[in-house]
Amino acid sequence: MKSTVLKSTITGLILAAATGAAWADKADDTLNVAFTKELENVDSYFNSSREGVVLQRAVWDGLIYRDPVSNEYMGNLATEWEWIDDTTIEFKLREGVKFHDGSDFTADDVVFTVNYVADEANGVKTQRNVNWMKSAEKVDDFTVRIMLKENFPAAIEFLSGPVSMYPSDYYEEAGPEGMGLKPVGTGPYKVTEVVPGQHFKLEAYEGYHDSPKGKPSIKNVDIRTIPDVNTQMAELFSGSLDLIWQVPSDQAEKLAERDEFQVSNESTMRVGYLTLDAAGRSEDSPFTDVRVRKAVNYAINRQELVDALLKGKSKVVYTPCFPSQFGCDEEAAVEYEYNPEKAKELLAEAGYEDGLTIDFYAYRDREYAEAITSYLNAVGIDTNFKMLQYSALREQNMKGETAVSFQTWGSYSINDASAMVSQFFKHGSLDYAMDDETLEYLNIADSSTDEAVRKENYTKAIERITEEAYWAPMFSYNTNYVTTNEVEYTPTADEVLRFTTVSWK
């Protein structure tokens, strides 16, 4: 699974650096960063990528903030909150906060934002993040109530993550397209330039309020989309980049040998998995047969993938959620140990003694995806490999056009099983199981205010999903961050690159 070409490329970069690189200095107070994946829209409600989460936390604020280390909830745009009843939360808002365009933040902005994103007709990309809210109403200029559709005990967790507040007057006029081109928030950084999908420039917001996020130490952040990791490394060596992240383990190991760089590895909540079309949404899906789905699960050597490719703090995962999330019961999951002979037997029982051929889709980590297809090919599942852009593959998935695809999900860093298992198994556009029994368990788990009842029903859902092999969960991700020695940064385990915590040495 090692790449000779990759190693020679890295060696060439190191030799080039040894001849003398023009290191970027911090004189202009600009942190130069690379994104690997193209961001479809900067508007945080209309993208579902990790790059979007990073910009969301920099440019906008939510009512609540969760400390990524202590997990303590703190007030951000709200100073306090209380449950009025099981489906109503009242918030006292922070006074004196201004948006980047100079307008005042008030209850009107919360009411407009919530009512807009909660309306399914407005097309928020990840409905699970917002569809638990019914509406919001203004009590006075700095008091607002958010009404839930039903009991949703994870509400505070979601409000501390993907639910950002937008300026009502501006957003009503600009909409998602305008917000994507000229973002306006209350966050620690304001956006000064957007070249869609390619280039984003941020500047520290001098009027930033007293937020638990902290005020920026570095004035400017210049982000460019550079899909090729080798190109990113070349620019890191030349001094035109200060920070790159999501660096594959082989490259990170080589860079760690250099005195010019600091490499940090941290675990994430991201899980890599295969979707399997058990519901028959795509044409002639072989995965409507549980034996074929189980064959896929037995065919994959998860431990070898972790040891040879992901490395770092990654680990094997059998659950359709991240183990740290509330309700993600690892003991409930069926563990499909690597057994290619068992996979072949199951395929034969299902009528595929001579194997089968299927289109296999992926959008990232080609090396991982190709390794997975090699395991499938070895047991008789021949794959036509198709690498697509994230947005294109997501649209095909939502339309039910992919029988099997390699996907990842980071749950928007929400530490609750509802952010993952309920995202994909509640009969939404990304549900390829459409299983009523699973839906029933998740409806109870998502709405009960009794923690024991929630855990019990998430456990039942996980048992059902894994017994029926609706997915093939494989591993958790880790992230390698590489910086020059001029940069001080300590990553957190939630996979959110926070520019407010980056500083110069």
Protein backbone atom coordinates (compact mmCIF):
# COMPACT_ATOMS: atom_id res chain seq x y z
CA MET A 1 0.00 0.00 0.00
CA LYS A 2 3.04 2.26 -0.05
CA SER A 3 3.56 4.46 -3.07
CA THR A 4 7.05 4.61 -4.62
CA VAL A 5 6.04 7.63 -6.66
CA LEU A 6 4.84 9.38 -3.52
CA LYS A 7 8.08 8.67 -1.68
CA SER A 8 10.19 9.98 -4.54
CA THR A 9 8.07 13.12 -4.69
CA ILE A 10 8.61 13.75 -0.99
CA THR A 11 12.34 13.11 -1.34
CA GLY A 12 12.51 15.61 -4.17
CA LEU A 13 10.77 18.23 -2.07
CA ILE A 14 13.16 17.69 0.81
CA LEU A 15 16.20 18.01 -1.46
CA ALA A 16 14.76 21.18 -2.93
CA ALA A 17 14.24 22.59 0.54
CA ALA A 18 17.78 21.71 1.55
CA THR A 19 19.13 23.99 -1.18
CA GLY A 20 17.56 26.94 0.59
CA ALA A 21 13.89 27.90 0.90
CA ALA A 22 12.52 31.41 1.11
CA TRP A 23 10.68 31.02 4.39
CA ALA A 24 7.62 33.18 4.86
CA ASP A 25 8.03 35.49 7.80
CA LYS A 26 5.33 36.91 10.03
CA ALA A 27 6.03 40.53 9.15
CA ASP A 28 2.71 41.01 7.34
CA ASP A 29 0.84 39.04 10.06
CA THR A 30 -0.78 36.71 7.52
CA LEU A 31 -1.28 33.00 8.14
CA ASN A 32 -1.25 31.15 4.81
CA VAL A 33 -3.40 27.99 4.87
CA ALA A 34 -4.40 25.35 2.31
CA PHE A 35 -7.75 23.60 1.95
CA THR A 36 -7.70 20.32 0.03
CA LYS A 37 -11.39 20.12 -0.79
CA GLU A 38 -13.34 22.70 -2.77
CA LEU A 39 -15.97 24.45 -0.64
CA GLU A 40 -19.24 24.62 -2.55
CA ASN A 41 -20.69 27.59 -0.64
CA VAL A 42 -19.28 29.59 2.29
CA ASP A 43 -22.79 29.96 3.72
CA SER A 44 -22.56 27.50 6.59
CA TYR A 45 -26.11 26.22 6.11
CA PHE A 46 -25.50 25.36 2.47
CA ASN A 47 -22.42 23.18 2.67
CA SER A 48 -21.67 20.05 4.64
CA SER A 49 -17.89 19.88 4.37
CA ARG A 50 -15.29 20.09 7.12
CA GLU A 51 -13.81 23.16 5.42
CA GLY A 52 -17.22 24.76 5.79
CA VAL A 53 -17.25 23.97 9.51
CA VAL A 54 -13.84 25.62 9.90
CA LEU A 55 -15.03 28.82 8.23
CA GLN A 56 -18.33 28.71 10.11
CA ARG A 57 -16.60 28.77 13.49
CA ALA A 58 -14.32 31.62 12.35
CA VAL A 59 -16.91 33.88 10.73
CA TRP A 60 -20.12 33.26 12.68
CA ASP A 61 -21.18 32.62 16.25
CA GLY A 62 -23.87 30.52 17.85
CA LEU A 63 -25.89 31.25 20.94
CA ILE A 64 -23.84 28.72 22.93
CA TYR A 65 -20.22 27.57 22.85
CA ARG A 66 -18.88 24.18 23.94
CA ASP A 67 -15.29 24.14 25.11
CA PRO A 68 -13.56 21.46 22.98
CA VAL A 69 -11.40 20.29 25.88
CA SER A 70 -13.65 20.46 28.95
CA ASN A 71 -16.93 20.01 27.00
CA GLU A 72 -18.41 22.74 29.21
CA TYR A 73 -21.24 24.78 27.67
CA MET A 74 -20.77 28.53 27.86
CA GLY A 75 -22.74 31.53 26.69
CA ASN A 76 -21.65 33.14 23.43
CA LEU A 77 -24.30 35.26 21.70
CA ALA A 78 -26.54 34.25 24.59
CA THR A 79 -25.50 34.94 28.16
CA GLU A 80 -27.93 32.52 29.77
CA TRP A 81 -30.69 30.10 28.86
CA GLU A 82 -33.37 27.99 30.50
CA TRP A 83 -35.89 25.36 29.49
CA ILE A 84 -39.37 26.82 29.85
CA ASP A 85 -40.88 23.43 29.12
CA ASP A 86 -39.83 20.28 27.23
CA THR A 87 -40.00 22.01 23.86
CA THR A 88 -39.19 25.67 24.64
CA ILE A 89 -35.84 27.27 25.46
CA GLU A 90 -35.55 30.92 26.44
CA PHE A 91 -32.31 32.82 25.80
CA LYS A 92 -31.04 36.08 27.20
CA LEU A 93 -28.90 37.63 24.47
CA ARG A 94 -25.60 39.44 24.81
CA GLU A 95 -26.01 43.18 24.34
CA GLY A 96 -23.63 45.39 22.39
CA VAL A 97 -22.68 42.77 19.78
CA LYS A 98 -22.30 44.04 16.21
CA PHE A 99 -22.15 42.16 12.93
CA HIS A 100 -19.23 42.71 10.59
CA ASP A 101 -21.33 45.19 8.58
CA GLY A 102 -21.89 47.33 11.68
CA SER A 103 -25.50 46.32 12.32
CA ASP A 104 -26.61 45.46 15.86
CA PHE A 105 -27.25 41.88 16.91
CA THR A 106 -30.71 41.55 18.49
CA ALA A 107 -33.52 39.05 18.97
CA ASP A 108 -34.75 39.87 15.46
CA ASP A 109 -31.67 38.18 14.01
CA VAL A 110 -32.21 35.01 16.02
CA VAL A 111 -35.89 34.86 15.09
CA PHE A 112 -35.19 35.36 11.39
CA THR A 113 -32.31 32.88 11.30
CA VAL A 114 -34.16 30.10 13.12
CA ASN A 115 -37.40 30.55 11.21
CA TYR A 116 -35.52 30.57 7.90
CA VAL A 117 -33.33 27.52 8.43
CA ALA A 118 -36.06 25.51 10.15
CA ASP A 119 -38.27 25.85 7.06
CA GLU A 120 -37.45 22.79 4.98
CA ALA A 121 -38.53 24.65 1.82
CA ASN A 122 -35.44 26.85 2.14
CA GLY A 123 -33.23 23.84 1.50
CA VAL A 124 -30.61 23.81 4.25
CA LYS A 125 -28.08 21.21 3.12
CA THR A 126 -27.94 19.14 6.33
CA GLN A 127 -31.54 19.08 7.54
CA ARG A 128 -30.64 17.08 10.64
CA ASN A 129 -28.83 20.13 12.03
CA VAL A 130 -31.95 22.31 11.98
CA ASN A 131 -35.13 20.29 11.45
CA TRP A 132 -35.65 19.73 15.17
CA MET A 133 -36.49 23.43 15.56
CA LYS A 134 -40.08 24.55 14.94
CA SER A 135 -39.72 28.32 15.18
CA ALA A 136 -38.44 31.24 17.25
CA GLU A 137 -40.25 34.18 18.75
CA LYS A 138 -39.10 37.50 20.19
CA VAL A 139 -39.88 38.30 23.81
CA ASP A 140 -38.02 41.61 23.76
CA ASP A 141 -34.98 43.00 21.97
CA PHE A 142 -32.61 40.77 23.90
CA THR A 143 -34.80 37.84 24.89
CA VAL A 144 -35.88 35.12 22.49
CA ARG A 145 -37.53 31.73 22.67
CA ILE A 146 -36.80 28.78 20.40
CA MET A 147 -39.59 26.25 20.07
CA LEU A 148 -38.83 22.63 19.24
CA LYS A 149 -41.04 20.35 17.15
CA GLU A 150 -40.84 17.73 19.88
CA ASN A 151 -38.60 16.75 22.77
CA PHE A 152 -35.00 16.97 21.61
CA PRO A 153 -32.53 16.63 24.49
CA ALA A 154 -29.54 17.22 22.19
CA ALA A 155 -30.74 20.76 21.41
CA ILE A 156 -28.05 22.52 23.45
CA GLU A 157 -25.32 20.45 21.77
CA PHE A 158 -26.60 21.40 18.32
CA LEU A 159 -26.97 25.05 19.29
CA SER A 160 -23.32 25.04 20.35
CA GLY A 161 -22.23 23.73 16.96
CA PRO A 162 -23.78 24.12 13.50
CA VAL A 163 -26.53 26.64 14.35
CA SER A 164 -25.05 30.07 13.64
CA MET A 165 -26.85 33.40 13.83
CA TYR A 166 -27.14 35.58 10.74
CA PRO A 167 -28.01 39.30 10.32
CA SER A 168 -31.72 39.35 9.47
CA ASP A 169 -31.89 42.37 7.17
CA TYR A 170 -28.80 41.36 5.20
CA TYR A 171 -29.70 37.70 4.85
CA GLU A 172 -33.29 38.44 3.87
CA GLU A 173 -31.95 40.46 0.94
CA ALA A 174 -28.78 38.53 0.05
CA GLY A 175 -29.92 34.97 0.68
CA PRO A 176 -27.54 31.97 0.63
CA GLU A 177 -25.91 33.02 -2.64
CA GLY A 178 -25.14 36.53 -1.40
CA MET A 179 -23.99 35.26 1.98
CA GLY A 180 -21.70 32.81 0.20
CA LEU A 181 -20.04 35.58 -1.80
CA LYS A 182 -20.00 38.29 0.88
CA PRO A 183 -20.35 36.61 4.28
CA VAL A 184 -21.41 38.69 7.28
CA GLY A 185 -21.29 37.31 10.80
CA THR A 186 -20.37 38.28 14.34
CA GLY A 187 -17.39 35.90 14.56
CA PRO A 188 -13.74 36.59 15.41
CA TYR A 189 -12.80 36.89 11.72
CA LYS A 190 -14.55 38.78 8.94
CA VAL A 191 -14.29 37.75 5.30
CA THR A 192 -12.65 40.29 3.01
CA GLU A 193 -12.54 38.26 -0.20
CA VAL A 194 -14.17 35.16 -1.69
CA VAL A 195 -13.23 33.49 -4.93
CA PRO A 196 -15.78 30.66 -4.86
CA GLY A 197 -14.17 27.29 -4.26
CA GLN A 198 -10.66 28.68 -4.61
CA HIS A 199 -9.61 31.48 -2.29
CA PHE A 200 -10.80 33.03 0.97
CA LYS A 201 -9.28 35.94 2.85
CA LEU A 202 -10.09 36.62 6.49
CA GLU A 203 -9.23 39.56 8.72
CA ALA A 204 -9.45 39.75 12.50
CA TYR A 205 -12.63 41.56 13.54
CA GLU A 206 -11.57 44.42 15.77
CA GLY A 207 -15.06 44.79 17.20
CA TYR A 208 -15.33 41.18 18.32
CA HIS A 209 -17.23 40.75 21.57
CA ASP A 210 -16.03 39.05 24.75
CA SER A 211 -16.56 35.51 23.49
CA PRO A 212 -15.25 32.21 24.90
CA LYS A 213 -13.75 31.64 21.44
CA GLY A 214 -11.16 34.29 22.30
CA LYS A 215 -9.88 37.14 20.18
CA PRO A 216 -7.59 36.43 17.22
CA SER A 217 -3.85 36.67 17.71
CA ILE A 218 -3.07 36.70 13.97
CA LYS A 219 -4.57 39.54 11.93
CA ASN A 220 -4.97 37.92 8.51
CA VAL A 221 -5.72 34.39 7.30
CA ASP A 222 -5.27 33.61 3.60
CA ILE A 223 -6.83 30.29 2.54
CA ARG A 224 -6.34 28.73 -0.88
CA THR A 225 -7.84 25.52 -2.24
CA ILE A 226 -4.97 23.27 -3.32
CA PRO A 227 -6.37 19.77 -4.03
CA ASP A 228 -3.00 18.05 -4.48
CA VAL A 229 -1.19 17.34 -1.21
CA ASN A 230 2.21 17.21 -2.93
CA THR A 231 1.65 20.74 -4.22
CA GLN A 232 0.73 21.83 -0.70
CA MET A 233 3.98 20.37 0.60
CA ALA A 234 5.98 22.07 -2.13
CA GLU A 235 4.49 25.39 -1.08
CA LEU A 236 5.16 24.61 2.55
CA PHE A 237 8.83 24.03 1.68
CA SER A 238 9.01 27.21 -0.40
CA GLY A 239 7.49 29.26 2.41
CA SER A 240 4.26 30.29 0.70
CA LEU A 241 2.20 28.19 3.14
CA ASP A 242 2.40 28.23 6.93
CA LEU A 243 -0.13 25.52 7.81
CA ILE A 244 -1.55 22.48 6.06
CA TRP A 245 -3.82 19.85 7.57
CA GLN A 246 -5.46 16.52 6.76
CA VAL A 247 -2.00 15.41 5.60
CA PRO A 248 -1.79 11.65 4.85
CA SER A 249 0.31 9.68 7.31
CA ASP A 250 3.18 8.83 4.93
CA GLN A 251 3.78 12.48 4.05
CA ALA A 252 3.36 13.58 7.67
CA GLU A 253 5.97 11.06 8.82
CA LYS A 254 8.49 12.43 6.32
CA LEU A 255 7.76 16.03 7.25
CA ALA A 256 8.15 15.19 10.94
CA GLU A 257 11.77 14.26 10.23
CA ARG A 258 12.51 17.83 9.19
CA ASP A 259 13.57 20.42 11.76
CA GLU A 260 11.73 23.14 9.83
CA PHE A 261 8.27 21.78 10.63
CA GLN A 262 6.03 20.81 13.50
CA VAL A 263 3.69 17.87 12.95
CA SER A 264 0.75 17.26 15.28
CA ASN A 265 -1.56 14.27 15.13
CA GLU A 266 -4.97 14.33 16.77
CA SER A 267 -7.99 12.04 16.74
CA THR A 268 -11.26 13.18 15.21
CA MET A 269 -14.94 12.26 15.36
CA ARG A 270 -14.88 11.41 11.65
CA VAL A 271 -15.81 7.84 10.68
CA GLY A 272 -15.07 6.23 7.30
CA TYR A 273 -17.72 3.81 6.05
CA LEU A 274 -19.35 2.26 3.00
CA THR A 275 -22.98 2.94 2.21
CA LEU A 276 -24.75 -0.14 0.84
CA ASP A 277 -28.02 0.23 -1.03
CA ALA A 278 -30.16 -2.19 0.93
CA ALA A 279 -33.36 -0.34 0.00
CA GLY A 280 -32.81 -0.81 -3.73
CA ARG A 281 -32.89 2.89 -4.52
CA SER A 282 -30.30 2.50 -7.28
CA GLU A 283 -30.78 0.34 -10.34
CA ASP A 284 -30.29 -3.42 -9.81
CA SER A 285 -28.57 -3.07 -6.43
CA PRO A 286 -27.12 -6.42 -5.28
CA PHE A 287 -27.11 -5.08 -1.72
CA THR A 288 -30.82 -5.69 -1.21
CA ASP A 289 -29.61 -9.16 -0.19
CA VAL A 290 -28.27 -9.11 3.38
CA ARG A 291 -25.78 -11.86 2.49
CA VAL A 292 -24.08 -9.57 -0.03
CA ARG A 293 -23.96 -6.74 2.53
CA LYS A 294 -22.40 -9.04 5.10
CA ALA A 295 -19.93 -10.29 2.50
CA VAL A 296 -18.72 -6.73 2.03
CA ASN A 297 -18.25 -6.35 5.77
CA TYR A 298 -16.27 -9.59 6.06
CA ALA A 299 -14.14 -8.73 3.02
CA ILE A 300 -12.48 -5.64 4.52
CA ASN A 301 -9.39 -5.87 6.71
CA ARG A 302 -10.11 -2.84 8.88
CA GLN A 303 -7.10 -3.28 11.16
CA GLU A 304 -4.72 -3.41 8.20
CA LEU A 305 -6.21 -0.18 6.83
CA VAL A 306 -5.65 1.54 10.16
CA ASP A 307 -2.13 0.17 10.66
CA ALA A 308 -0.87 0.70 7.11
CA LEU A 309 -2.65 3.83 5.95
CA LEU A 310 -4.39 5.90 8.61
CA LYS A 311 -1.99 5.30 11.53
CA GLY A 312 -1.85 7.96 14.25
CA LYS A 313 -4.80 7.96 16.63
CA SER A 314 -7.20 6.19 14.26
CA LYS A 315 -8.90 2.96 15.32
CA VAL A 316 -11.20 0.29 13.94
CA VAL A 317 -14.91 1.19 14.17
CA TYR A 318 -17.88 -1.14 13.83
CA THR A 319 -20.62 1.32 14.89
CA PRO A 320 -22.58 3.69 12.60
CA CYS A 321 -21.51 6.53 14.90
CA PHE A 322 -18.38 7.70 16.69
CA PRO A 323 -17.79 5.83 19.97
CA SER A 324 -17.50 8.95 22.15
CA GLN A 325 -20.93 10.20 21.11
CA PHE A 326 -23.72 9.88 23.65
CA GLY A 327 -25.65 6.69 22.88
CA CYS A 328 -23.02 5.15 20.59
CA ASP A 329 -22.88 1.71 22.20
CA GLU A 330 -19.85 -0.17 20.86
CA GLU A 331 -20.91 -3.40 22.57
CA ALA A 332 -24.17 -3.40 20.63
CA ALA A 333 -22.46 -3.55 17.26
CA VAL A 334 -21.81 -6.77 15.35
CA GLU A 335 -18.06 -6.98 14.74
CA TYR A 336 -17.35 -8.31 11.26
CA GLU A 337 -13.81 -9.59 11.58
CA TYR A 338 -11.79 -9.93 8.40
CA ASN A 339 -12.79 -13.24 6.82
CA PRO A 340 -12.54 -13.29 3.00
CA GLU A 341 -13.53 -16.97 2.80
CA LYS A 342 -16.74 -16.24 4.69
CA ALA A 343 -17.36 -13.34 2.30
CA LYS A 344 -17.00 -15.65 -0.71
CA GLU A 345 -19.35 -18.22 0.86
CA LEU A 346 -22.02 -15.58 1.44
CA LEU A 347 -21.71 -14.30 -2.12
CA ALA A 348 -22.10 -17.84 -3.44
CA GLU A 349 -25.19 -18.38 -1.25
CA ALA A 350 -26.65 -15.18 -2.71
CA GLY A 351 -26.16 -16.49 -6.23
CA TYR A 352 -22.90 -14.78 -7.06
CA GLU A 353 -20.60 -17.80 -7.26
CA ASP A 354 -18.78 -16.12 -10.15
CA GLY A 355 -18.75 -12.75 -8.44
CA LEU A 356 -20.40 -9.49 -9.41
CA THR A 357 -19.44 -6.10 -10.85
CA ILE A 358 -20.49 -2.80 -9.32
CA ASP A 359 -19.73 0.92 -9.65
CA PHE A 360 -17.80 2.08 -6.60
CA TYR A 361 -17.80 5.81 -5.74
CA ALA A 362 -15.50 7.94 -3.59
CA TYR A 363 -14.73 11.63 -3.16
CA ARG A 364 -11.60 11.72 -0.99
CA ASP A 365 -8.60 9.69 0.16
CA ARG A 366 -8.07 7.84 -3.10
CA GLU A 367 -5.40 5.63 -1.51
CA TYR A 368 -7.85 4.46 1.16
CA ALA A 369 -10.64 3.95 -1.37
CA GLU A 370 -8.41 1.94 -3.70
CA ALA A 371 -7.27 -0.25 -0.82
CA ILE A 372 -10.91 -0.94 0.06
CA THR A 373 -11.71 -1.87 -3.53
CA SER A 374 -8.76 -4.27 -3.56
CA TYR A 375 -10.33 -6.16 -0.66
CA LEU A 376 -13.68 -6.30 -2.48
CA ASN A 377 -12.07 -7.40 -5.74
CA ALA A 378 -10.27 -10.21 -3.89
CA VAL A 379 -13.55 -11.85 -2.88
CA GLY A 380 -15.23 -11.46 -6.26
CA ILE A 381 -16.82 -8.02 -6.04
CA ASP A 382 -15.26 -6.30 -9.04
CA THR A 383 -15.41 -2.52 -8.81
CA ASN A 384 -15.58 0.19 -11.43
CA PHE A 385 -13.83 2.94 -9.49
CA LYS A 386 -15.32 6.43 -9.86
CA MET A 387 -13.71 9.41 -8.08
CA LEU A 388 -15.99 12.45 -7.93
CA GLN A 389 -16.00 15.89 -6.34
CA TYR A 390 -17.69 15.87 -2.93
CA SER A 391 -20.65 18.01 -3.99
CA ALA A 392 -21.29 15.88 -7.09
CA LEU A 393 -21.20 12.60 -5.17
CA ARG A 394 -23.42 13.99 -2.42
CA GLU A 395 -26.04 14.96 -5.00
CA GLN A 396 -25.94 11.45 -6.51
CA ASN A 397 -26.26 9.94 -3.05
CA MET A 398 -29.25 12.13 -2.26
CA LYS A 399 -30.92 11.01 -5.48
CA GLY A 400 -30.34 7.34 -4.62
CA GLU A 401 -28.06 6.71 -7.57
CA THR A 402 -25.11 4.97 -5.87
CA ALA A 403 -25.23 1.32 -4.83
CA VAL A 404 -21.98 1.56 -2.86
CA SER A 405 -19.79 4.53 -2.00
CA PHE A 406 -16.94 5.31 0.35
CA GLN A 407 -18.08 8.11 2.64
CA THR A 408 -16.94 9.89 5.78
CA TRP A 409 -18.90 11.85 8.36
CA GLY A 410 -17.58 14.08 11.11
CA SER A 411 -20.98 14.84 12.70
CA TYR A 412 -20.23 18.57 12.63
CA SER A 413 -18.28 17.70 15.82
CA ILE A 414 -21.57 17.12 17.68
CA ASN A 415 -20.96 14.65 20.49
CA ASP A 416 -24.33 12.91 20.28
CA ALA A 417 -25.27 9.79 18.31
CA SER A 418 -28.23 11.62 16.78
CA ALA A 419 -25.76 13.66 14.73
CA MET A 420 -24.67 10.56 12.83
CA VAL A 421 -26.86 7.50 13.14
CA SER A 422 -30.05 9.59 12.98
CA GLN A 423 -28.66 11.60 10.10
CA PHE A 424 -28.52 8.53 7.87
CA PHE A 425 -31.20 6.12 9.10
CA LYS A 426 -34.38 8.16 9.51
CA HIS A 427 -35.78 7.84 5.97
CA GLY A 428 -34.10 10.98 4.67
CA SER A 429 -32.52 11.49 1.27
CA LEU A 430 -29.26 9.84 2.40
CA ASP A 431 -30.91 6.75 3.92
CA TYR A 432 -30.11 3.64 1.87
CA ALA A 433 -31.74 1.26 4.37
CA MET A 434 -35.22 2.78 4.77
CA ASP A 435 -35.82 0.40 7.65
CA ASP A 436 -38.98 1.12 9.67
CA GLU A 437 -37.77 -0.73 12.76
CA THR A 438 -34.60 1.35 12.92
CA LEU A 439 -36.66 4.50 12.40
CA GLU A 440 -38.89 3.62 15.34
CA TYR A 441 -35.93 3.16 17.69
CA LEU A 442 -34.32 6.41 16.58
CA ASN A 443 -37.51 8.42 16.92
CA ILE A 444 -37.70 7.37 20.57
CA ALA A 445 -33.97 7.88 21.20
CA ASP A 446 -33.92 11.33 19.66
CA SER A 447 -36.93 12.65 21.56
CA SER A 448 -36.87 11.06 25.02
CA THR A 449 -35.76 13.24 27.94
CA ASP A 450 -34.83 10.10 29.87
CA GLU A 451 -31.14 9.32 29.25
CA ALA A 452 -31.64 5.63 29.96
CA VAL A 453 -34.42 5.41 27.39
CA ARG A 454 -32.27 7.25 24.85
CA LYS A 455 -29.34 4.89 25.38
CA GLU A 456 -31.57 1.82 25.22
CA ASN A 457 -33.06 2.80 21.87
CA TYR A 458 -29.77 3.91 20.30
CA THR A 459 -28.46 0.49 21.35
CA LYS A 460 -31.38 -1.24 19.63
CA ALA A 461 -30.85 0.84 16.50
CA ILE A 462 -27.14 0.03 16.40
CA GLU A 463 -27.86 -3.67 16.90
CA ARG A 464 -30.37 -3.60 14.06
CA ILE A 465 -28.18 -1.61 11.65
CA THR A 466 -25.14 -3.81 12.20
CA GLU A 467 -27.00 -7.13 12.25
CA GLU A 468 -28.54 -6.20 8.90
CA ALA A 469 -25.18 -4.83 7.69
CA TYR A 470 -26.80 -1.72 6.27
CA TRP A 471 -23.38 -0.03 6.33
CA ALA A 472 -19.79 -1.17 6.49
CA PRO A 473 -18.24 1.10 9.15
CA MET A 474 -14.45 0.79 9.03
CA PHE A 475 -12.34 3.28 10.95
CA SER A 476 -12.10 6.61 12.69
CA TYR A 477 -9.92 9.30 11.21
CA ASN A 478 -7.08 11.22 12.68
CA THR A 479 -5.77 14.50 11.37
CA ASN A 480 -2.17 15.50 10.78
CA TYR A 481 -1.48 19.21 11.07
CA VAL A 482 1.82 20.51 9.73
CA THR A 483 3.09 24.01 10.45
CA THR A 484 6.32 25.86 10.01
CA ASN A 485 8.33 26.54 13.14
CA GLU A 486 7.03 30.11 13.13
CA VAL A 487 3.54 28.89 14.03
CA GLU A 488 2.15 27.81 17.40
CA TYR A 489 -0.93 25.58 17.25
CA THR A 490 -2.36 22.81 19.41
CA PRO A 491 -5.17 20.89 17.67
CA THR A 492 -8.27 19.58 19.40
CA ALA A 493 -9.98 16.23 18.97
CA ASP A 494 -13.09 17.66 17.31
CA GLU A 495 -11.39 18.30 13.93
CA VAL A 496 -12.13 22.03 14.01
CA LEU A 497 -9.20 24.16 12.92
CA ARG A 498 -9.66 27.25 15.10
CA PHE A 499 -7.75 30.24 13.80
CA THR A 500 -8.27 32.09 17.08
CA THR A 501 -5.98 29.58 18.79
CA VAL A 502 -3.19 29.90 16.20
CA SER A 503 -0.36 32.32 17.03
CA TRP A 504 3.15 33.23 15.99
CA LYS A 505 6.03 32.00 18.09
